[in-house]
Amino acid sequence: MSAADRAETLQYLTFQLDEELFALDVSKVREILEVDTITRVPQVPGFMRGVINLRGSVVPVIDLKLKFGLAETQSTINTCIIVVEVQLDGTTTVLGALSDSVQEVVEMEPGEIEPSPRIGSRVNTEFIKGMAKSEGKFVMILDIDKVFAGDDLTVS
């Protein structure tokens, strides 16, 4: 593998929601936490489970399964909070994303990633960067900034 090929290789953190495998760019990941106490906040969107104290900072925790229209994440021994940095309204914001489990960091070359599927005009797949295969399973690669883009979260 040449130096140019290595520069093109991207690393992704893979994680599970229900039976599906997702991935996001490791450069967006700050850390992975065990689920501890999440403090509920009134009158927030349904997918926002609350906030956590991360070394003195208040970090909102989003249930990705609820965000994607699935059933609420149930806390198990494998449930994790993936702390990510996202761009909201031009500002870097730290969020926690609940996942059923974190799998591994995988390396993928751009040629291994196919464009996101077009499922019709009513289904928004803009937040999916692409699809790839890892160990025989499809992996949906998320654009984490676009997952949270829109009016449902704003920086104040």
C-alpha atoms as a PDB file:
ATOM      1  CA  MET A   1       0.000   0.000   0.000  1.00  0.00           C
ATOM      2  CA  SER A   2       1.475   3.340  -1.022  1.00  0.00           C
ATOM      3  CA  ALA A   3       1.596   6.430   1.201  1.00  0.00           C
ATOM      4  CA  ALA A   4      -1.180   7.982  -0.926  1.00  0.00           C
ATOM      5  CA  ASP A   5      -3.394   4.929  -0.352  1.00  0.00           C
ATOM      6  CA  ARG A   6      -2.797   5.097   3.417  1.00  0.00           C
ATOM      7  CA  ALA A   7      -3.710   8.794   3.387  1.00  0.00           C
ATOM      8  CA  GLU A   8      -6.996   7.890   1.669  1.00  0.00           C
ATOM      9  CA  THR A   9      -7.863   5.140   4.158  1.00  0.00           C
ATOM     10  CA  LEU A  10     -10.441   6.338   6.671  1.00  0.00           C
ATOM     11  CA  GLN A  11     -11.153   4.979  10.132  1.00  0.00           C
ATOM     12  CA  TYR A  12     -14.687   4.459  11.377  1.00  0.00           C
ATOM     13  CA  LEU A  13     -16.097   3.457  14.743  1.00  0.00           C
ATOM     14  CA  THR A  14     -18.748   0.788  14.238  1.00  0.00           C
ATOM     15  CA  PHE A  15     -21.665   0.415  16.609  1.00  0.00           C
ATOM     16  CA  GLN A  16     -24.961  -1.419  16.769  1.00  0.00           C
ATOM     17  CA  LEU A  17     -28.560  -0.197  16.934  1.00  0.00           C
ATOM     18  CA  ASP A  18     -30.917  -3.177  17.149  1.00  0.00           C
ATOM     19  CA  GLU A  19     -29.558  -5.635  14.590  1.00  0.00           C
ATOM     20  CA  GLU A  20     -28.098  -2.985  12.265  1.00  0.00           C
ATOM     21  CA  LEU A  21     -24.467  -1.907  12.084  1.00  0.00           C
ATOM     22  CA  PHE A  22     -23.605   1.787  11.794  1.00  0.00           C
ATOM     23  CA  ALA A  23     -20.324   3.665  11.627  1.00  0.00           C
ATOM     24  CA  LEU A  24     -19.051   7.176  12.066  1.00  0.00           C
ATOM     25  CA  ASP A  25     -15.763   8.879  11.373  1.00  0.00           C
ATOM     26  CA  VAL A  26     -13.435   8.389  14.362  1.00  0.00           C
ATOM     27  CA  SER A  27     -12.313  12.008  14.050  1.00  0.00           C
ATOM     28  CA  LYS A  28     -15.793  12.977  15.341  1.00  0.00           C
ATOM     29  CA  VAL A  29     -15.546  10.683  18.389  1.00  0.00           C
ATOM     30  CA  ARG A  30     -14.215  12.126  21.649  1.00  0.00           C
ATOM     31  CA  GLU A  31     -14.721   9.087  23.857  1.00  0.00           C
ATOM     32  CA  ILE A  32     -16.969   6.156  24.699  1.00  0.00           C
ATOM     33  CA  LEU A  33     -18.669   5.968  28.089  1.00  0.00           C
ATOM     34  CA  GLU A  34     -20.596   3.369  30.023  1.00  0.00           C
ATOM     35  CA  VAL A  35     -24.160   4.461  30.632  1.00  0.00           C
ATOM     36  CA  ASP A  36     -24.468   6.096  34.022  1.00  0.00           C
ATOM     37  CA  THR A  37     -27.092   8.474  35.356  1.00  0.00           C
ATOM     38  CA  ILE A  38     -28.859  10.472  32.653  1.00  0.00           C
ATOM     39  CA  THR A  39     -30.782  13.439  34.052  1.00  0.00           C
ATOM     40  CA  ARG A  40     -34.076  13.991  32.249  1.00  0.00           C
ATOM     41  CA  VAL A  41     -34.812  17.491  30.970  1.00  0.00           C
ATOM     42  CA  PRO A  42     -38.430  18.611  30.514  1.00  0.00           C
ATOM     43  CA  GLN A  43     -39.823  19.778  27.167  1.00  0.00           C
ATOM     44  CA  VAL A  44     -37.035  18.506  24.930  1.00  0.00           C
ATOM     45  CA  PRO A  45     -37.497  16.480  21.723  1.00  0.00           C
ATOM     46  CA  GLY A  46     -38.513  12.870  22.380  1.00  0.00           C
ATOM     47  CA  PHE A  47     -35.203  11.455  21.150  1.00  0.00           C
ATOM     48  CA  MET A  48     -33.240  13.491  23.720  1.00  0.00           C
ATOM     49  CA  ARG A  49     -32.905  11.280  26.782  1.00  0.00           C
ATOM     50  CA  GLY A  50     -31.437  14.024  28.996  1.00  0.00           C
ATOM     51  CA  VAL A  51     -28.000  15.241  30.020  1.00  0.00           C
ATOM     52  CA  ILE A  52     -24.902  13.833  31.691  1.00  0.00           C
ATOM     53  CA  ASN A  53     -22.110  15.466  33.654  1.00  0.00           C
ATOM     54  CA  LEU A  54     -18.869  14.924  31.742  1.00  0.00           C
ATOM     55  CA  ARG A  55     -16.048  16.228  33.924  1.00  0.00           C
ATOM     56  CA  GLY A  56     -18.026  19.328  34.861  1.00  0.00           C
ATOM     57  CA  SER A  57     -19.624  19.928  31.449  1.00  0.00           C
ATOM     58  CA  VAL A  58     -23.289  19.322  30.704  1.00  0.00           C
ATOM     59  CA  VAL A  59     -23.605  17.051  27.664  1.00  0.00           C
ATOM     60  CA  PRO A  60     -26.971  16.292  25.998  1.00  0.00           C
ATOM     61  CA  VAL A  61     -27.599  12.570  25.369  1.00  0.00           C
ATOM     62  CA  ILE A  62     -29.501  11.572  22.241  1.00  0.00           C
ATOM     63  CA  ASP A  63     -31.097   8.160  21.745  1.00  0.00           C
ATOM     64  CA  LEU A  64     -30.115   7.382  18.155  1.00  0.00           C
ATOM     65  CA  LYS A  65     -32.706   4.627  17.942  1.00  0.00           C
ATOM     66  CA  LEU A  66     -35.493   7.099  18.761  1.00  0.00           C
ATOM     67  CA  LYS A  67     -33.963   9.631  16.363  1.00  0.00           C
ATOM     68  CA  PHE A  68     -34.165   7.001  13.619  1.00  0.00           C
ATOM     69  CA  GLY A  69     -37.753   6.001  14.464  1.00  0.00           C
ATOM     70  CA  LEU A  70     -36.885   2.778  16.288  1.00  0.00           C
ATOM     71  CA  ALA A  71     -37.816   1.642  19.830  1.00  0.00           C
ATOM     72  CA  GLU A  72     -36.124   3.336  22.781  1.00  0.00           C
ATOM     73  CA  THR A  73     -32.660   2.023  23.698  1.00  0.00           C
ATOM     74  CA  GLN A  74     -32.842  -0.295  26.689  1.00  0.00           C
ATOM     75  CA  SER A  75     -29.883  -0.157  29.045  1.00  0.00           C
ATOM     76  CA  THR A  76     -27.830  -3.362  29.061  1.00  0.00           C
ATOM     77  CA  ILE A  77     -24.261  -4.241  29.991  1.00  0.00           C
ATOM     78  CA  ASN A  78     -23.219  -3.337  26.409  1.00  0.00           C
ATOM     79  CA  THR A  79     -25.094  -0.034  26.085  1.00  0.00           C
ATOM     80  CA  CYS A  80     -22.694   2.885  25.554  1.00  0.00           C
ATOM     81  CA  ILE A  81     -22.704   6.612  25.112  1.00  0.00           C
ATOM     82  CA  ILE A  82     -20.550   7.684  22.171  1.00  0.00           C
ATOM     83  CA  VAL A  83     -19.439  11.252  22.876  1.00  0.00           C
ATOM     84  CA  VAL A  84     -19.141  13.086  19.555  1.00  0.00           C
ATOM     85  CA  GLU A  85     -18.378  16.562  18.299  1.00  0.00           C
ATOM     86  CA  VAL A  86     -20.911  17.814  15.754  1.00  0.00           C
ATOM     87  CA  GLN A  87     -21.354  21.049  13.856  1.00  0.00           C
ATOM     88  CA  LEU A  88     -24.684  22.719  14.715  1.00  0.00           C
ATOM     89  CA  ASP A  89     -25.387  26.131  13.259  1.00  0.00           C
ATOM     90  CA  GLY A  90     -21.665  26.610  12.579  1.00  0.00           C
ATOM     91  CA  THR A  91     -20.700  25.840  16.192  1.00  0.00           C
ATOM     92  CA  THR A  92     -18.913  22.731  17.466  1.00  0.00           C
ATOM     93  CA  THR A  93     -21.196  21.022  19.971  1.00  0.00           C
ATOM     94  CA  VAL A  94     -20.494  17.979  22.139  1.00  0.00           C
ATOM     95  CA  LEU A  95     -23.295  15.388  22.270  1.00  0.00           C
ATOM     96  CA  GLY A  96     -23.671  11.891  23.649  1.00  0.00           C
ATOM     97  CA  ALA A  97     -25.237   9.295  21.355  1.00  0.00           C
ATOM     98  CA  LEU A  98     -26.709   6.163  22.923  1.00  0.00           C
ATOM     99  CA  SER A  99     -25.935   2.909  21.144  1.00  0.00           C
ATOM    100  CA  ASP A 100     -26.760  -0.707  21.937  1.00  0.00           C
ATOM    101  CA  SER A 101     -23.073  -1.589  21.701  1.00  0.00           C
ATOM    102  CA  VAL A 102     -19.798  -0.372  20.251  1.00  0.00           C
ATOM    103  CA  GLN A 103     -18.067  -2.888  17.990  1.00  0.00           C
ATOM    104  CA  GLU A 104     -14.644  -1.809  16.714  1.00  0.00           C
ATOM    105  CA  VAL A 105     -12.656   0.699  14.706  1.00  0.00           C
ATOM    106  CA  VAL A 106     -12.375  -0.366  11.065  1.00  0.00           C
ATOM    107  CA  GLU A 107     -10.345   1.059   8.229  1.00  0.00           C
ATOM    108  CA  MET A 108     -12.002   1.581   4.858  1.00  0.00           C
ATOM    109  CA  GLU A 109     -10.737   2.956   1.621  1.00  0.00           C
ATOM    110  CA  PRO A 110     -13.020   5.324  -0.302  1.00  0.00           C
ATOM    111  CA  GLY A 111     -13.462   2.673  -3.029  1.00  0.00           C
ATOM    112  CA  GLU A 112     -15.046   0.308  -0.486  1.00  0.00           C
ATOM    113  CA  ILE A 113     -17.807   2.796   0.312  1.00  0.00           C
ATOM    114  CA  GLU A 114     -20.828   2.985  -1.965  1.00  0.00           C
ATOM    115  CA  PRO A 115     -23.071   6.067  -2.138  1.00  0.00           C
ATOM    116  CA  SER A 116     -26.114   6.144   0.136  1.00  0.00           C
ATOM    117  CA  PRO A 117     -29.110   4.413  -1.388  1.00  0.00           C
ATOM    118  CA  ARG A 118     -31.877   6.414  -3.035  1.00  0.00           C
ATOM    119  CA  ILE A 119     -35.067   5.127  -1.469  1.00  0.00           C
ATOM    120  CA  GLY A 120     -37.511   7.621  -2.901  1.00  0.00           C
ATOM    121  CA  SER A 121     -38.244  11.300  -2.583  1.00  0.00           C
ATOM    122  CA  ARG A 122     -40.044  11.078   0.772  1.00  0.00           C
ATOM    123  CA  VAL A 123     -37.314   9.203   2.637  1.00  0.00           C
ATOM    124  CA  ASN A 124     -34.430  11.363   3.852  1.00  0.00           C
ATOM    125  CA  THR A 125     -31.146   9.481   3.579  1.00  0.00           C
ATOM    126  CA  GLU A 126     -29.024  12.647   3.496  1.00  0.00           C
ATOM    127  CA  PHE A 127     -27.458  11.711   6.848  1.00  0.00           C
ATOM    128  CA  ILE A 128     -26.040   8.461   5.397  1.00  0.00           C
ATOM    129  CA  LYS A 129     -22.598   9.094   3.865  1.00  0.00           C
ATOM    130  CA  GLY A 130     -22.525   5.690   2.295  1.00  0.00           C
ATOM    131  CA  MET A 131     -22.742   1.947   2.713  1.00  0.00           C
ATOM    132  CA  ALA A 132     -19.921  -0.543   3.086  1.00  0.00           C
ATOM    133  CA  LYS A 133     -19.461  -4.179   4.012  1.00  0.00           C
ATOM    134  CA  SER A 134     -17.593  -5.351   7.075  1.00  0.00           C
ATOM    135  CA  GLU A 135     -17.313  -9.044   7.866  1.00  0.00           C
ATOM    136  CA  GLY A 136     -20.191  -9.831   5.510  1.00  0.00           C
ATOM    137  CA  LYS A 137     -22.598  -7.275   7.023  1.00  0.00           C
ATOM    138  CA  PHE A 138     -23.751  -3.962   5.607  1.00  0.00           C
ATOM    139  CA  VAL A 139     -22.547  -0.939   7.538  1.00  0.00           C
ATOM    140  CA  MET A 140     -24.370   2.383   7.240  1.00  0.00           C
ATOM    141  CA  ILE A 141     -21.803   5.163   7.495  1.00  0.00           C
ATOM    142  CA  LEU A 142     -23.381   8.205   9.128  1.00  0.00           C
ATOM    143  CA  ASP A 143     -22.640  11.852   8.562  1.00  0.00           C
ATOM    144  CA  ILE A 144     -23.121  12.669  12.242  1.00  0.00           C
ATOM    145  CA  ASP A 145     -23.390  16.411  11.540  1.00  0.00           C
ATOM    146  CA  LYS A 146     -26.351  15.789   9.215  1.00  0.00           C
ATOM    147  CA  VAL A 147     -28.007  13.389  11.671  1.00  0.00           C
ATOM    148  CA  PHE A 148     -28.474  16.379  13.987  1.00  0.00           C
ATOM    149  CA  ALA A 149     -28.919  19.104  11.366  1.00  0.00           C
ATOM    150  CA  GLY A 150     -32.258  20.865  11.195  1.00  0.00           C
ATOM    151  CA  ASP A 151     -34.637  22.452  13.603  1.00  0.00           C
ATOM    152  CA  ASP A 152     -34.808  19.728  16.250  1.00  0.00           C
ATOM    153  CA  LEU A 153     -31.555  20.809  17.971  1.00  0.00           C
ATOM    154  CA  THR A 154     -30.312  24.352  18.107  1.00  0.00           C
ATOM    155  CA  VAL A 155     -27.371  25.968  19.825  1.00  0.00           C
ATOM    156  CA  SER A 156     -28.329  28.688  22.230  1.00  0.00           C
END
